[in-house]
């Protein structure tokens, strides 16, 4: 989805599969719900998971039994890409106990 002119620059609205959302923020949940239903979306992927639109996307995905995936933005580990189901960083489903990894 394109949310602003920067998105439009890199993903022109004339490009196939580009969806432009230019309504106000409060209209996004209904817009996304409708889109997921109409297009039978099974997974939602976001770049980060704490931006306001992404928080809504995660909630709507969960409500529709669609999986939610997030790319970690790589601020502390440049040149690495992390993709996790259900969230990254503080929302990562990875165990927090060191012994879990030592036992593997």
PDB file of N, CA and C in Angstrom:
ATOM      1  N   UNK A   1       0.836  -1.182   0.000  1.00  0.00           N
ATOM      2  CA  UNK A   1       0.000   0.000   0.000  1.00  0.00           C
ATOM      3  C   UNK A   1       0.876   1.239   0.000  1.00  0.00           C
ATOM      4  N   UNK A   2       0.488   2.239  -0.753  1.00  0.00           N
ATOM      5  CA  UNK A   2       1.156   3.533  -0.731  1.00  0.00           C
ATOM      6  C   UNK A   2       0.371   4.463   0.184  1.00  0.00           C
ATOM      7  N   UNK A   3       1.115   5.127   1.076  1.00  0.00           N
ATOM      8  CA  UNK A   3       0.484   6.044   2.021  1.00  0.00           C
ATOM      9  C   UNK A   3       0.853   7.500   1.765  1.00  0.00           C
ATOM     10  N   UNK A   4       1.905   7.749   0.984  1.00  0.00           N
ATOM     11  CA  UNK A   4       2.364   9.129   0.798  1.00  0.00           C
ATOM     12  C   UNK A   4       3.122   9.258  -0.523  1.00  0.00           C
ATOM     13  N   UNK A   5       3.569  10.476  -0.802  1.00  0.00           N
ATOM     14  CA  UNK A   5       4.266  10.752  -2.063  1.00  0.00           C
ATOM     15  C   UNK A   5       5.573   9.977  -2.171  1.00  0.00           C
ATOM     16  N   UNK A   6       6.240   9.745  -1.048  1.00  0.00           N
ATOM     17  CA  UNK A   6       7.471   8.956  -1.079  1.00  0.00           C
ATOM     18  C   UNK A   6       7.208   7.538  -1.552  1.00  0.00           C
ATOM     19  N   UNK A   7       6.126   6.946  -1.063  1.00  0.00           N
ATOM     20  CA  UNK A   7       5.740   5.610  -1.524  1.00  0.00           C
ATOM     21  C   UNK A   7       5.429   5.640  -3.021  1.00  0.00           C
ATOM     22  N   UNK A   8       4.701   6.673  -3.446  1.00  0.00           N
ATOM     23  CA  UNK A   8       4.337   6.798  -4.860  1.00  0.00           C
ATOM     24  C   UNK A   8       5.572   6.922  -5.751  1.00  0.00           C
ATOM     25  N   UNK A   9       6.610   7.579  -5.236  1.00  0.00           N
ATOM     26  CA  UNK A   9       7.836   7.757  -6.019  1.00  0.00           C
ATOM     27  C   UNK A   9       8.481   6.402  -6.315  1.00  0.00           C
ATOM     28  N   UNK A  10       8.581   5.566  -5.299  1.00  0.00           N
ATOM     29  CA  UNK A  10       9.241   4.274  -5.474  1.00  0.00           C
ATOM     30  C   UNK A  10       8.312   3.200  -6.047  1.00  0.00           C
ATOM     31  N   UNK A  11       7.032   3.343  -5.803  1.00  0.00           N
ATOM     32  CA  UNK A  11       6.042   2.391  -6.311  1.00  0.00           C
ATOM     33  C   UNK A  11       4.918   3.189  -6.958  1.00  0.00           C
ATOM     34  N   UNK A  12       5.106   3.604  -8.212  1.00  0.00           N
ATOM     35  CA  UNK A  12       4.117   4.464  -8.871  1.00  0.00           C
ATOM     36  C   UNK A  12       2.721   3.843  -8.868  1.00  0.00           C
ATOM     37  N   UNK A  13       1.723   4.663  -8.630  1.00  0.00           N
ATOM     38  CA  UNK A  13       0.341   4.161  -8.606  1.00  0.00           C
ATOM     39  C   UNK A  13      -0.083   3.478  -9.905  1.00  0.00           C
ATOM     40  N   UNK A  14       0.611   3.777 -11.001  1.00  0.00           N
ATOM     41  CA  UNK A  14       0.276   3.153 -12.283  1.00  0.00           C
ATOM     42  C   UNK A  14       0.829   1.736 -12.396  1.00  0.00           C
ATOM     43  N   UNK A  15       1.698   1.359 -11.460  1.00  0.00           N
ATOM     44  CA  UNK A  15       2.301   0.026 -11.469  1.00  0.00           C
ATOM     45  C   UNK A  15       1.273  -1.018 -11.015  1.00  0.00           C
ATOM     46  N   UNK A  16       1.305  -2.175 -11.646  1.00  0.00           N
ATOM     47  CA  UNK A  16       0.380  -3.249 -11.264  1.00  0.00           C
ATOM     48  C   UNK A  16       0.543  -3.596  -9.794  1.00  0.00           C
ATOM     49  N   UNK A  17      -0.535  -3.885  -9.144  1.00  0.00           N
ATOM     50  CA  UNK A  17      -0.586  -4.329  -7.745  1.00  0.00           C
ATOM     51  C   UNK A  17      -0.237  -3.233  -6.736  1.00  0.00           C
ATOM     52  N   UNK A  18      -0.151  -1.988  -7.169  1.00  0.00           N
ATOM     53  CA  UNK A  18       0.067  -0.886  -6.229  1.00  0.00           C
ATOM     54  C   UNK A  18      -1.296  -0.371  -5.788  1.00  0.00           C
ATOM     55  N   UNK A  19      -1.495  -0.302  -4.491  1.00  0.00           N
ATOM     56  CA  UNK A  19      -2.757   0.173  -3.930  1.00  0.00           C
ATOM     57  C   UNK A  19      -2.472   1.464  -3.174  1.00  0.00           C
ATOM     58  N   UNK A  20      -3.185   2.515  -3.518  1.00  0.00           N
ATOM     59  CA  UNK A  20      -2.984   3.813  -2.872  1.00  0.00           C
ATOM     60  C   UNK A  20      -4.061   4.019  -1.812  1.00  0.00           C
ATOM     61  N   UNK A  21      -3.615   4.303  -0.598  1.00  0.00           N
ATOM     62  CA  UNK A  21      -4.541   4.678   0.476  1.00  0.00           C
ATOM     63  C   UNK A  21      -4.316   6.156   0.741  1.00  0.00           C
ATOM     64  N   UNK A  22      -5.294   6.981   0.386  1.00  0.00           N
ATOM     65  CA  UNK A  22      -5.138   8.423   0.595  1.00  0.00           C
ATOM     66  C   UNK A  22      -6.264   9.019   1.429  1.00  0.00           C
ATOM     67  N   UNK A  23      -6.917   8.173   2.180  1.00  0.00           N
ATOM     68  CA  UNK A  23      -7.961   8.640   3.093  1.00  0.00           C
ATOM     69  C   UNK A  23      -7.306   8.986   4.428  1.00  0.00           C
ATOM     70  N   UNK A  24      -8.102   9.397   5.419  1.00  0.00           N
ATOM     71  CA  UNK A  24      -7.508   9.732   6.718  1.00  0.00           C
ATOM     72  C   UNK A  24      -7.218   8.457   7.518  1.00  0.00           C
ATOM     73  N   UNK A  25      -6.380   8.619   8.508  1.00  0.00           N
ATOM     74  CA  UNK A  25      -5.899   7.503   9.327  1.00  0.00           C
ATOM     75  C   UNK A  25      -7.046   6.688   9.929  1.00  0.00           C
ATOM     76  N   UNK A  26      -8.089   7.361  10.385  1.00  0.00           N
ATOM     77  CA  UNK A  26      -9.211   6.668  11.026  1.00  0.00           C
ATOM     78  C   UNK A  26      -9.963   5.740  10.073  1.00  0.00           C
ATOM     79  N   UNK A  27      -9.820   5.964   8.779  1.00  0.00           N
ATOM     80  CA  UNK A  27     -10.512   5.131   7.795  1.00  0.00           C
ATOM     81  C   UNK A  27      -9.724   3.875   7.433  1.00  0.00           C
ATOM     82  N   UNK A  28      -8.475   3.793   7.878  1.00  0.00           N
ATOM     83  CA  UNK A  28      -7.618   2.673   7.468  1.00  0.00           C
ATOM     84  C   UNK A  28      -8.114   1.304   7.933  1.00  0.00           C
ATOM     85  N   UNK A  29      -8.562   1.134   9.178  1.00  0.00           N
ATOM     86  CA  UNK A  29      -9.015  -0.211   9.582  1.00  0.00           C
ATOM     87  C   UNK A  29     -10.117  -0.770   8.680  1.00  0.00           C
ATOM     88  N   UNK A  30     -11.098   0.045   8.374  1.00  0.00           N
ATOM     89  CA  UNK A  30     -12.192  -0.420   7.517  1.00  0.00           C
ATOM     90  C   UNK A  30     -11.691  -0.705   6.098  1.00  0.00           C
ATOM     91  N   UNK A  31     -10.823   0.169   5.591  1.00  0.00           N
ATOM     92  CA  UNK A  31     -10.237  -0.014   4.266  1.00  0.00           C
ATOM     93  C   UNK A  31      -9.482  -1.339   4.188  1.00  0.00           C
ATOM     94  N   UNK A  32      -8.640  -1.599   5.190  1.00  0.00           N
ATOM     95  CA  UNK A  32      -7.841  -2.821   5.190  1.00  0.00           C
ATOM     96  C   UNK A  32      -8.722  -4.055   5.361  1.00  0.00           C
ATOM     97  N   UNK A  33      -9.705  -3.964   6.238  1.00  0.00           N
ATOM     98  CA  UNK A  33     -10.634  -5.082   6.434  1.00  0.00           C
ATOM     99  C   UNK A  33     -11.309  -5.442   5.118  1.00  0.00           C
ATOM    100  N   UNK A  34     -11.780  -4.436   4.422  1.00  0.00           N
ATOM    101  CA  UNK A  34     -12.460  -4.647   3.146  1.00  0.00           C
ATOM    102  C   UNK A  34     -11.508  -5.265   2.112  1.00  0.00           C
ATOM    103  N   UNK A  35     -10.287  -4.761   2.074  1.00  0.00           N
ATOM    104  CA  UNK A  35      -9.298  -5.261   1.114  1.00  0.00           C
ATOM    105  C   UNK A  35      -8.962  -6.724   1.395  1.00  0.00           C
ATOM    106  N   UNK A  36      -8.734  -7.057   2.644  1.00  0.00           N
ATOM    107  CA  UNK A  36      -8.410  -8.437   3.016  1.00  0.00           C
ATOM    108  C   UNK A  36      -9.552  -9.377   2.648  1.00  0.00           C
ATOM    109  N   UNK A  37     -10.767  -8.954   2.915  1.00  0.00           N
ATOM    110  CA  UNK A  37     -11.937  -9.777   2.602  1.00  0.00           C
ATOM    111  C   UNK A  37     -12.106  -9.951   1.095  1.00  0.00           C
ATOM    112  N   UNK A  38     -12.065  -8.847   0.357  1.00  0.00           N
ATOM    113  CA  UNK A  38     -12.291  -8.902  -1.094  1.00  0.00           C
ATOM    114  C   UNK A  38     -11.223  -9.695  -1.836  1.00  0.00           C
ATOM    115  N   UNK A  39      -9.990  -9.625  -1.359  1.00  0.00           N
ATOM    116  CA  UNK A  39      -8.876 -10.241  -2.083  1.00  0.00           C
ATOM    117  C   UNK A  39      -8.385 -11.545  -1.446  1.00  0.00           C
ATOM    118  N   UNK A  40      -9.099 -12.002  -0.420  1.00  0.00           N
ATOM    119  CA  UNK A  40      -8.759 -13.276   0.236  1.00  0.00           C
ATOM    120  C   UNK A  40      -7.290 -13.315   0.679  1.00  0.00           C
ATOM    121  N   UNK A  41      -6.869 -12.248   1.329  1.00  0.00           N
ATOM    122  CA  UNK A  41      -5.482 -12.116   1.777  1.00  0.00           C
ATOM    123  C   UNK A  41      -5.212 -13.108   2.906  1.00  0.00           C
ATOM    124  N   UNK A  42      -4.124 -13.846   2.801  1.00  0.00           N
ATOM    125  CA  UNK A  42      -3.756 -14.837   3.810  1.00  0.00           C
ATOM    126  C   UNK A  42      -2.570 -14.406   4.658  1.00  0.00           C
ATOM    127  N   UNK A  43      -1.834 -13.390   4.201  1.00  0.00           N
ATOM    128  CA  UNK A  43      -0.673 -12.910   4.954  1.00  0.00           C
ATOM    129  C   UNK A  43      -0.498 -11.414   4.726  1.00  0.00           C
ATOM    130  N   UNK A  44      -0.106 -10.719   5.777  1.00  0.00           N
ATOM    131  CA  UNK A  44       0.191  -9.286   5.714  1.00  0.00           C
ATOM    132  C   UNK A  44       1.657  -9.126   6.101  1.00  0.00           C
ATOM    133  N   UNK A  45       2.409  -8.388   5.284  1.00  0.00           N
ATOM    134  CA  UNK A  45       3.837  -8.182   5.527  1.00  0.00           C
ATOM    135  C   UNK A  45       4.098  -6.687   5.632  1.00  0.00           C
ATOM    136  N   UNK A  46       4.789  -6.279   6.705  1.00  0.00           N
ATOM    137  CA  UNK A  46       5.100  -4.861   6.933  1.00  0.00           C
ATOM    138  C   UNK A  46       6.592  -4.676   7.167  1.00  0.00           C
ATOM    139  N   UNK A  47       7.073  -3.490   6.894  1.00  0.00           N
ATOM    140  CA  UNK A  47       8.457  -3.126   7.190  1.00  0.00           C
ATOM    141  C   UNK A  47       8.444  -2.446   8.549  1.00  0.00           C
ATOM    142  N   UNK A  48       8.658  -3.238   9.585  1.00  0.00           N
ATOM    143  CA  UNK A  48       8.508  -2.757  10.958  1.00  0.00           C
ATOM    144  C   UNK A  48       7.132  -3.130  11.476  1.00  0.00           C
ATOM    145  N   UNK A  49       6.974  -3.084  12.799  1.00  0.00           N
ATOM    146  CA  UNK A  49       5.683  -3.483  13.368  1.00  0.00           C
ATOM    147  C   UNK A  49       5.144  -2.506  14.405  1.00  0.00           C
ATOM    148  N   UNK A  50       5.788  -1.355  14.557  1.00  0.00           N
ATOM    149  CA  UNK A  50       5.316  -0.415  15.575  1.00  0.00           C
ATOM    150  C   UNK A  50       4.793   0.896  15.001  1.00  0.00           C
ATOM    151  N   UNK A  51       4.887   1.079  13.710  1.00  0.00           N
ATOM    152  CA  UNK A  51       4.314   2.285  13.104  1.00  0.00           C
ATOM    153  C   UNK A  51       2.793   2.188  13.228  1.00  0.00           C
ATOM    154  N   UNK A  52       2.125   3.319  13.359  1.00  0.00           N
ATOM    155  CA  UNK A  52       0.671   3.279  13.605  1.00  0.00           C
ATOM    156  C   UNK A  52      -0.117   2.431  12.599  1.00  0.00           C
ATOM    157  N   UNK A  53       0.172   2.568  11.317  1.00  0.00           N
ATOM    158  CA  UNK A  53      -0.553   1.772  10.323  1.00  0.00           C
ATOM    159  C   UNK A  53      -0.241   0.281  10.470  1.00  0.00           C
ATOM    160  N   UNK A  54       0.983  -0.027  10.866  1.00  0.00           N
ATOM    161  CA  UNK A  54       1.374  -1.430  11.000  1.00  0.00           C
ATOM    162  C   UNK A  54       0.717  -2.087  12.210  1.00  0.00           C
ATOM    163  N   UNK A  55       0.531  -1.326  13.265  1.00  0.00           N
ATOM    164  CA  UNK A  55      -0.178  -1.849  14.446  1.00  0.00           C
ATOM    165  C   UNK A  55      -1.610  -2.224  14.052  1.00  0.00           C
ATOM    166  N   UNK A  56      -2.235  -1.362  13.281  1.00  0.00           N
ATOM    167  CA  UNK A  56      -3.594  -1.649  12.797  1.00  0.00           C
ATOM    168  C   UNK A  56      -3.575  -2.867  11.879  1.00  0.00           C
ATOM    169  N   UNK A  57      -2.596  -2.924  10.985  1.00  0.00           N
ATOM    170  CA  UNK A  57      -2.509  -4.047  10.044  1.00  0.00           C
ATOM    171  C   UNK A  57      -2.363  -5.373  10.784  1.00  0.00           C
ATOM    172  N   UNK A  58      -1.569  -5.379  11.840  1.00  0.00           N
ATOM    173  CA  UNK A  58      -1.390  -6.610  12.616  1.00  0.00           C
ATOM    174  C   UNK A  58      -2.707  -7.029  13.266  1.00  0.00           C
ATOM    175  N   UNK A  59      -3.407  -6.073  13.844  1.00  0.00           N
ATOM    176  CA  UNK A  59      -4.685  -6.382  14.500  1.00  0.00           C
ATOM    177  C   UNK A  59      -5.699  -6.924  13.489  1.00  0.00           C
ATOM    178  N   UNK A  60      -5.824  -6.244  12.358  1.00  0.00           N
ATOM    179  CA  UNK A  60      -6.794  -6.661  11.341  1.00  0.00           C
ATOM    180  C   UNK A  60      -6.406  -8.029  10.766  1.00  0.00           C
ATOM    181  N   UNK A  61      -5.119  -8.256  10.552  1.00  0.00           N
ATOM    182  CA  UNK A  61      -4.669  -9.566  10.059  1.00  0.00           C
ATOM    183  C   UNK A  61      -5.064 -10.656  11.043  1.00  0.00           C
ATOM    184  N   UNK A  62      -4.775 -10.437  12.316  1.00  0.00           N
ATOM    185  CA  UNK A  62      -5.115 -11.435  13.338  1.00  0.00           C
ATOM    186  C   UNK A  62      -6.614 -11.692  13.404  1.00  0.00           C
ATOM    187  N   UNK A  63      -7.405 -10.639  13.289  1.00  0.00           N
ATOM    188  CA  UNK A  63      -8.865 -10.788  13.326  1.00  0.00           C
ATOM    189  C   UNK A  63      -9.382 -11.611  12.147  1.00  0.00           C
ATOM    190  N   UNK A  64      -8.607 -11.648  11.068  1.00  0.00           N
ATOM    191  CA  UNK A  64      -9.018 -12.365   9.858  1.00  0.00           C
ATOM    192  C   UNK A  64      -8.255 -13.668   9.650  1.00  0.00           C
ATOM    193  N   UNK A  65      -7.592 -14.140  10.701  1.00  0.00           N
ATOM    194  CA  UNK A  65      -6.804 -15.368  10.627  1.00  0.00           C
ATOM    195  C   UNK A  65      -5.770 -15.331   9.500  1.00  0.00           C
ATOM    196  N   UNK A  66      -5.291 -14.147   9.177  1.00  0.00           N
ATOM    197  CA  UNK A  66      -4.191 -13.999   8.218  1.00  0.00           C
ATOM    198  C   UNK A  66      -2.903 -13.889   9.026  1.00  0.00           C
ATOM    199  N   UNK A  67      -1.836 -14.475   8.547  1.00  0.00           N
ATOM    200  CA  UNK A  67      -0.579 -14.358   9.287  1.00  0.00           C
ATOM    201  C   UNK A  67      -0.021 -12.944   9.117  1.00  0.00           C
ATOM    202  N   UNK A  68       0.715 -12.498  10.119  1.00  0.00           N
ATOM    203  CA  UNK A  68       1.347 -11.176  10.091  1.00  0.00           C
ATOM    204  C   UNK A  68       2.851 -11.373  10.152  1.00  0.00           C
ATOM    205  N   UNK A  69       3.554 -10.769   9.222  1.00  0.00           N
ATOM    206  CA  UNK A  69       5.010 -10.862   9.146  1.00  0.00           C
ATOM    207  C   UNK A  69       5.594  -9.455   9.169  1.00  0.00           C
ATOM    208  N   UNK A  70       6.728  -9.297   9.833  1.00  0.00           N
ATOM    209  CA  UNK A  70       7.375  -7.982   9.899  1.00  0.00           C
ATOM    210  C   UNK A  70       8.864  -8.104   9.606  1.00  0.00           C
ATOM    211  N   UNK A  71       9.340  -7.197   8.772  1.00  0.00           N
ATOM    212  CA  UNK A  71      10.776  -7.053   8.565  1.00  0.00           C
ATOM    213  C   UNK A  71      11.312  -6.160   9.666  1.00  0.00           C
ATOM    214  N   UNK A  72      12.447  -6.522  10.212  1.00  0.00           N
ATOM    215  CA  UNK A  72      13.119  -5.686  11.201  1.00  0.00           C
ATOM    216  C   UNK A  72      13.853  -4.604  10.423  1.00  0.00           C
ATOM    217  N   UNK A  73      13.859  -3.393  10.945  1.00  0.00           N
ATOM    218  CA  UNK A  73      14.376  -2.271  10.173  1.00  0.00           C
ATOM    219  C   UNK A  73      15.893  -2.158  10.160  1.00  0.00           C
ATOM    220  N   UNK A  74      16.596  -2.956  10.913  1.00  0.00           N
ATOM    221  CA  UNK A  74      18.038  -3.054  10.800  1.00  0.00           C
ATOM    222  C   UNK A  74      18.847  -1.877  11.302  1.00  0.00           C
ATOM    223  N   UNK A  75      18.291  -1.082  12.212  1.00  0.00           N
ATOM    224  CA  UNK A  75      19.032   0.083  12.703  1.00  0.00           C
ATOM    225  C   UNK A  75      20.301  -0.317  13.446  1.00  0.00           C
ATOM    226  N   UNK A  76      20.239  -1.390  14.204  1.00  0.00           N
ATOM    227  CA  UNK A  76      21.392  -1.795  15.003  1.00  0.00           C
ATOM    228  C   UNK A  76      22.235  -2.866  14.320  1.00  0.00           C
ATOM    229  N   UNK A  77      21.702  -3.488  13.284  1.00  0.00           N
ATOM    230  CA  UNK A  77      22.449  -4.510  12.554  1.00  0.00           C
ATOM    231  C   UNK A  77      22.321  -4.231  11.066  1.00  0.00           C
ATOM    232  N   UNK A  78      23.028  -3.208  10.586  1.00  0.00           N
ATOM    233  CA  UNK A  78      22.921  -2.899   9.159  1.00  0.00           C
ATOM    234  C   UNK A  78      23.386  -4.079   8.304  1.00  0.00           C
ATOM    235  N   UNK A  79      22.850  -4.158   7.113  1.00  0.00           N
ATOM    236  CA  UNK A  79      23.176  -5.195   6.131  1.00  0.00           C
ATOM    237  C   UNK A  79      22.568  -6.558   6.467  1.00  0.00           C
ATOM    238  N   UNK A  80      21.721  -6.601   7.468  1.00  0.00           N
ATOM    239  CA  UNK A  80      21.002  -7.829   7.795  1.00  0.00           C
ATOM    240  C   UNK A  80      19.515  -7.583   7.582  1.00  0.00           C
ATOM    241  N   UNK A  81      18.828  -8.604   7.127  1.00  0.00           N
ATOM    242  CA  UNK A  81      17.375  -8.528   6.991  1.00  0.00           C
ATOM    243  C   UNK A  81      16.783  -9.621   7.866  1.00  0.00           C
ATOM    244  N   UNK A  82      15.869  -9.231   8.721  1.00  0.00           N
ATOM    245  CA  UNK A  82      15.187 -10.187   9.585  1.00  0.00           C
ATOM    246  C   UNK A  82      13.699 -10.124   9.273  1.00  0.00           C
ATOM    247  N   UNK A  83      13.096 -11.268   9.052  1.00  0.00           N
ATOM    248  CA  UNK A  83      11.660 -11.365   8.828  1.00  0.00           C
ATOM    249  C   UNK A  83      11.125 -12.355   9.843  1.00  0.00           C
ATOM    250  N   UNK A  84      10.181 -11.899  10.658  1.00  0.00           N
ATOM    251  CA  UNK A  84       9.623 -12.784  11.684  1.00  0.00           C
ATOM    252  C   UNK A  84       8.104 -12.750  11.652  1.00  0.00           C
ATOM    253  N   UNK A  85       7.535 -13.888  11.967  1.00  0.00           N
ATOM    254  CA  UNK A  85       6.088 -13.985  12.074  1.00  0.00           C
ATOM    255  C   UNK A  85       5.651 -13.372  13.401  1.00  0.00           C
ATOM    256  N   UNK A  86       4.622 -12.574  13.368  1.00  0.00           N
ATOM    257  CA  UNK A  86       3.989 -11.939  14.530  1.00  0.00           C
ATOM    258  C   UNK A  86       4.729 -10.726  15.074  1.00  0.00           C
ATOM    259  N   UNK A  87       5.893 -10.386  14.558  1.00  0.00           N
ATOM    260  CA  UNK A  87       6.559  -9.172  15.009  1.00  0.00           C
ATOM    261  C   UNK A  87       8.054  -9.341  15.173  1.00  0.00           C
ATOM    262  N   UNK A  88       8.736  -8.224  15.361  1.00  0.00           N
ATOM    263  CA  UNK A  88      10.190  -8.222  15.531  1.00  0.00           C
ATOM    264  C   UNK A  88      10.562  -7.457  16.797  1.00  0.00           C
ATOM    265  N   UNK A  89      11.833  -7.567  17.153  1.00  0.00           N
ATOM    266  CA  UNK A  89      12.370  -6.874  18.331  1.00  0.00           C
ATOM    267  C   UNK A  89      11.552  -7.213  19.575  1.00  0.00           C
ATOM    268  N   UNK A  90      10.957  -6.240  20.217  1.00  0.00           N
ATOM    269  CA  UNK A  90      10.205  -6.500  21.452  1.00  0.00           C
ATOM    270  C   UNK A  90       9.009  -7.423  21.218  1.00  0.00           C
ATOM    271  N   UNK A  91       8.515  -7.474  19.987  1.00  0.00           N
ATOM    272  CA  UNK A  91       7.363  -8.314  19.670  1.00  0.00           C
ATOM    273  C   UNK A  91       7.765  -9.640  19.023  1.00  0.00           C
ATOM    274  N   UNK A  92       9.048  -9.911  18.984  1.00  0.00           N
ATOM    275  CA  UNK A  92       9.537 -11.154  18.395  1.00  0.00           C
ATOM    276  C   UNK A  92       9.055 -12.348  19.211  1.00  0.00           C
ATOM    277  N   UNK A  93       8.641 -13.414  18.527  1.00  0.00           N
ATOM    278  CA  UNK A  93       8.235 -14.618  19.256  1.00  0.00           C
ATOM    279  C   UNK A  93       9.425 -15.471  19.712  1.00  0.00           C
ATOM    280  N   UNK A  94      10.642 -15.047  19.391  1.00  0.00           N
ATOM    281  CA  UNK A  94      11.812 -15.826  19.816  1.00  0.00           C
ATOM    282  C   UNK A  94      11.895 -15.878  21.335  1.00  0.00           C
ATOM    283  N   UNK A  95      12.278 -17.026  21.867  1.00  0.00           N
ATOM    284  CA  UNK A  95      12.422 -17.148  23.327  1.00  0.00           C
ATOM    285  C   UNK A  95      13.444 -16.146  23.863  1.00  0.00           C
ATOM    286  N   UNK A  96      13.223 -15.678  25.064  1.00  0.00           N
ATOM    287  CA  UNK A  96      14.112 -14.701  25.695  1.00  0.00           C
ATOM    288  C   UNK A  96      15.132 -15.366  26.625  1.00  0.00           C
ATOM    289  N   UNK A  97      15.011 -16.661  26.791  1.00  0.00           N
ATOM    290  CA  UNK A  97      15.892 -17.383  27.715  1.00  0.00           C
ATOM    291  C   UNK A  97      17.109 -17.924  26.967  1.00  0.00           C
ATOM    292  N   UNK A  98      18.293 -17.616  27.446  1.00  0.00           N
ATOM    293  CA  UNK A  98      19.526 -18.085  26.810  1.00  0.00           C
ATOM    294  C   UNK A  98      19.597 -19.604  26.790  1.00  0.00           C
ATOM    295  N   UNK A  99      19.100 -20.249  27.838  1.00  0.00           N
ATOM    296  CA  UNK A  99      19.189 -21.712  27.893  1.00  0.00           C
ATOM    297  C   UNK A  99      18.434 -22.389  26.749  1.00  0.00           C
ATOM    298  N   UNK A 100      17.395 -21.751  26.248  1.00  0.00           N
ATOM    299  CA  UNK A 100      16.675 -22.314  25.101  1.00  0.00           C
ATOM    300  C   UNK A 100      17.632 -22.516  23.931  1.00  0.00           C
ATOM    301  N   UNK A 101      18.442 -21.501  23.650  1.00  0.00           N
ATOM    302  CA  UNK A 101      19.356 -21.572  22.514  1.00  0.00           C
ATOM    303  C   UNK A 101      20.540 -22.495  22.805  1.00  0.00           C
ATOM    304  N   UNK A 102      20.969 -22.533  24.038  1.00  0.00           N
ATOM    305  CA  UNK A 102      22.078 -23.411  24.402  1.00  0.00           C
ATOM    306  C   UNK A 102      21.684 -24.884  24.306  1.00  0.00           C
ATOM    307  N   UNK A 103      20.404 -25.168  24.481  1.00  0.00           N
ATOM    308  CA  UNK A 103      19.911 -26.546  24.418  1.00  0.00           C
ATOM    309  C   UNK A 103      19.701 -27.031  22.989  1.00  0.00           C
ATOM    310  N   UNK A 104      19.706 -26.134  22.041  1.00  0.00           N
ATOM    311  CA  UNK A 104      19.422 -26.514  20.647  1.00  0.00           C
ATOM    312  C   UNK A 104      20.592 -27.204  19.998  1.00  0.00           C
TER     313      UNK A 104
END
